[in-house]
Amino acid sequence: MSNSTSTQKKQLAAIGLAEMKISANPKEILVTYALGSCLGITIYDPVAQVGGLYHGMLPGARYLNARVEARPLMFLERGLAVFFKAAYAAGADKQRLRIKVAGGASLQQNKGTPDVFAIGERNLLMLRKILWQNNLIIHGEDCGQDLTRNLFLDIGSGRTWVRIQGKEQDL
């Protein structure tokens, strides 16, 4: 975050692995840290001033089982529906949503070994598939490579940015 006076008055709300938060509090900044192969997805409705951040870990579960039922936010295939429904229930409108995404990295690349599981790439494919099926598009992204990222969403302004190795970039 920049050191501006307006930013200093904001409250950070951290979203962990396989968690999400929807907010209409203009003083809140949602953040998720250390996105590697996971995806951080923000949605924001500028009219309703409702936004959210979701930290999804894996593309999908091959079988529905107790683990999936217990932690649906772990899997994009299930968690995205929970995330979007919560935003709509809070007043967001599908037609106005600004969707931004970060993560989807291949951290094995920087270790000199092939990424045989390609979780980051598969996460991005699952996200794009689900958004396409629901007539939604991504408005900004910073994905791939072998970098970890922190993702931020300012609920008051809708500003979304990433921090990579100490440098910030708006999405």
Protein backbone atom coordinates (compact mmCIF):
# COMPACT_ATOMS: atom_id res chain seq x y z
CA MET A 1 0.00 0.00 0.00
CA SER A 2 1.08 3.53 -0.56
CA ASN A 3 1.67 5.72 2.45
CA SER A 4 -1.06 8.23 1.64
CA THR A 5 -3.18 9.59 4.46
CA SER A 6 -6.36 8.03 3.07
CA THR A 7 -4.74 4.59 2.95
CA GLN A 8 -3.51 4.87 6.55
CA LYS A 9 -7.12 5.21 7.77
CA LYS A 10 -8.07 1.93 6.13
CA GLN A 11 -8.43 -1.42 7.89
CA LEU A 12 -6.73 -4.47 6.42
CA ALA A 13 -8.75 -7.69 6.40
CA ALA A 14 -6.61 -10.72 5.54
CA ILE A 15 -8.14 -13.58 3.59
CA GLY A 16 -6.38 -16.92 4.08
CA LEU A 17 -6.11 -20.07 2.01
CA ALA A 18 -9.50 -21.38 0.89
CA GLU A 19 -11.27 -18.35 2.37
CA MET A 20 -13.28 -15.45 1.01
CA LYS A 21 -14.82 -12.23 2.21
CA ILE A 22 -17.50 -9.96 0.80
CA SER A 23 -17.58 -6.39 2.11
CA ALA A 24 -19.41 -3.11 1.69
CA ASN A 25 -17.23 -1.30 4.24
CA PRO A 26 -15.51 1.59 2.39
CA LYS A 27 -12.80 1.72 5.06
CA GLU A 28 -11.73 -1.86 4.43
CA ILE A 29 -8.95 -3.21 2.26
CA LEU A 30 -9.12 -6.93 1.59
CA VAL A 31 -5.77 -8.66 1.12
CA THR A 32 -4.48 -12.14 0.51
CA TYR A 33 -0.82 -12.97 0.82
CA ALA A 34 1.69 -15.25 -0.89
CA LEU A 35 -0.32 -16.28 -3.94
CA GLY A 36 1.72 -18.91 -5.73
CA SER A 37 -0.20 -21.45 -7.79
CA CYS A 38 -3.38 -20.43 -5.93
CA LEU A 39 -5.63 -17.76 -7.40
CA GLY A 40 -6.73 -14.57 -5.73
CA ILE A 41 -9.92 -13.32 -7.34
CA THR A 42 -11.51 -9.96 -6.63
CA ILE A 43 -14.94 -8.82 -7.67
CA TYR A 44 -16.25 -5.30 -7.30
CA ASP A 45 -19.53 -3.58 -8.14
CA PRO A 46 -18.75 0.17 -8.39
CA VAL A 47 -22.41 1.22 -8.07
CA ALA A 48 -23.27 -0.88 -5.01
CA GLN A 49 -19.70 -0.46 -3.69
CA VAL A 50 -19.67 -4.14 -2.77
CA GLY A 51 -16.58 -6.20 -3.33
CA GLY A 52 -14.93 -9.38 -2.34
CA LEU A 53 -11.76 -11.40 -2.42
CA TYR A 54 -11.48 -15.17 -2.74
CA HIS A 55 -8.32 -17.27 -2.33
CA GLY A 56 -8.86 -20.53 -4.25
CA MET A 57 -6.30 -23.31 -3.98
CA LEU A 58 -7.10 -26.06 -6.49
CA PRO A 59 -9.07 -26.24 -9.74
CA GLY A 60 -11.52 -28.97 -8.81
CA ALA A 61 -12.08 -32.21 -7.02
CA ARG A 62 -12.34 -35.36 -9.06
CA TYR A 63 -14.89 -36.80 -6.64
CA LEU A 64 -17.30 -35.21 -4.24
CA ASN A 65 -16.33 -36.38 -0.79
CA ALA A 66 -16.32 -35.22 2.81
CA ARG A 67 -13.23 -33.07 2.23
CA VAL A 68 -14.88 -31.18 -0.62
CA GLU A 69 -18.11 -30.76 1.30
CA ALA A 70 -16.23 -29.56 4.39
CA ARG A 71 -14.10 -27.00 2.49
CA PRO A 72 -15.81 -26.04 -0.78
CA LEU A 73 -13.76 -22.84 -1.01
CA MET A 74 -10.61 -24.93 -1.45
CA PHE A 75 -11.71 -25.85 -4.98
CA LEU A 76 -12.46 -23.20 -7.61
CA GLU A 77 -15.03 -25.46 -9.22
CA ARG A 78 -17.19 -25.20 -6.07
CA GLY A 79 -15.88 -22.07 -4.37
CA LEU A 80 -16.53 -19.63 -7.20
CA ALA A 81 -20.29 -20.27 -6.99
CA VAL A 82 -20.24 -19.65 -3.23
CA PHE A 83 -18.21 -16.46 -3.74
CA PHE A 84 -20.40 -14.96 -6.46
CA LYS A 85 -23.68 -15.88 -4.71
CA ALA A 86 -22.46 -14.13 -1.55
CA ALA A 87 -21.63 -11.00 -3.55
CA TYR A 88 -25.06 -10.99 -5.21
CA ALA A 89 -26.73 -11.45 -1.81
CA ALA A 90 -24.81 -8.38 -0.56
CA GLY A 91 -26.15 -6.24 -3.43
CA ALA A 92 -23.62 -6.70 -6.23
CA ASP A 93 -25.03 -6.92 -9.75
CA LYS A 94 -23.56 -9.41 -12.21
CA GLN A 95 -23.63 -6.92 -15.11
CA ARG A 96 -21.52 -4.36 -13.20
CA LEU A 97 -18.89 -6.68 -11.73
CA ARG A 98 -15.23 -5.89 -12.27
CA ILE A 99 -13.29 -9.14 -11.96
CA LYS A 100 -9.55 -9.21 -11.38
CA VAL A 101 -7.23 -12.11 -10.73
CA ALA A 102 -3.67 -12.75 -9.57
CA GLY A 103 -1.59 -15.85 -8.92
CA GLY A 104 -1.54 -19.01 -10.99
CA ALA A 105 2.24 -19.18 -10.79
CA SER A 106 4.46 -22.15 -11.50
CA LEU A 107 6.84 -22.03 -8.56
CA GLN A 108 8.63 -25.20 -9.64
CA GLN A 109 10.15 -23.26 -12.56
CA ASN A 110 12.46 -21.30 -10.28
CA LYS A 111 13.66 -24.55 -8.71
CA GLY A 112 14.80 -25.90 -12.07
CA THR A 113 12.30 -28.75 -12.16
CA PRO A 114 9.30 -29.20 -14.44
CA ASP A 115 5.90 -28.36 -12.97
CA VAL A 116 4.29 -31.74 -13.65
CA PHE A 117 1.07 -30.91 -11.81
CA ALA A 118 0.69 -27.44 -13.38
CA ILE A 119 -1.70 -26.37 -10.61
CA GLY A 120 -1.40 -22.65 -11.42
CA GLU A 121 -2.17 -23.20 -15.09
CA ARG A 122 -5.03 -25.56 -14.28
CA ASN A 123 -6.46 -23.05 -11.80
CA LEU A 124 -6.50 -20.38 -14.50
CA LEU A 125 -8.15 -22.74 -16.98
CA MET A 126 -10.87 -23.64 -14.47
CA LEU A 127 -11.49 -19.96 -13.66
CA ARG A 128 -11.74 -18.99 -17.33
CA LYS A 129 -14.07 -21.91 -18.05
CA ILE A 130 -16.45 -21.02 -15.23
CA LEU A 131 -16.45 -17.32 -16.06
CA TRP A 132 -17.06 -18.06 -19.74
CA GLN A 133 -19.97 -20.36 -18.88
CA ASN A 134 -21.48 -17.51 -16.85
CA ASN A 135 -20.86 -14.73 -19.40
CA LEU A 136 -18.31 -12.98 -17.19
CA ILE A 137 -14.92 -11.59 -18.19
CA ILE A 138 -11.68 -10.79 -16.40
CA HIS A 139 -10.95 -7.04 -16.35
CA GLY A 140 -7.39 -7.23 -15.05
CA GLU A 141 -4.87 -9.89 -14.20
CA ASP A 142 -1.34 -10.62 -13.13
CA CYS A 143 -0.84 -14.36 -13.45
CA GLY A 144 1.74 -17.00 -14.24
CA GLN A 145 5.52 -16.84 -14.17
CA ASP A 146 7.35 -18.04 -11.07
CA LEU A 147 6.47 -15.19 -8.72
CA THR A 148 4.45 -15.00 -5.52
CA ARG A 149 2.08 -12.10 -5.18
CA ASN A 150 -0.03 -10.28 -2.61
CA LEU A 151 -3.43 -9.09 -3.87
CA PHE A 152 -5.35 -6.10 -2.47
CA LEU A 153 -8.87 -4.69 -3.00
CA ASP A 154 -9.88 -1.31 -1.56
CA ILE A 155 -13.65 -1.54 -1.00
CA GLY A 156 -14.07 2.26 -0.86
CA SER A 157 -12.57 2.93 -4.28
CA GLY A 158 -12.53 -0.45 -6.03
CA ARG A 159 -8.80 -0.11 -6.60
CA THR A 160 -7.18 -3.51 -7.02
CA TRP A 161 -3.44 -4.02 -7.01
CA VAL A 162 -0.72 -6.60 -6.58
CA ARG A 163 2.53 -6.38 -4.69
CA ILE A 164 5.36 -8.45 -6.14
CA GLN A 165 8.79 -8.37 -4.54
CA GLY A 166 7.98 -5.06 -2.85
CA LYS A 167 6.68 -3.34 -6.00
CA GLU A 168 3.03 -2.44 -6.51
CA GLN A 169 1.08 -2.55 -9.74
CA ASP A 170 -2.58 -1.70 -10.32
CA LEU A 171 -4.71 -4.26 -12.09
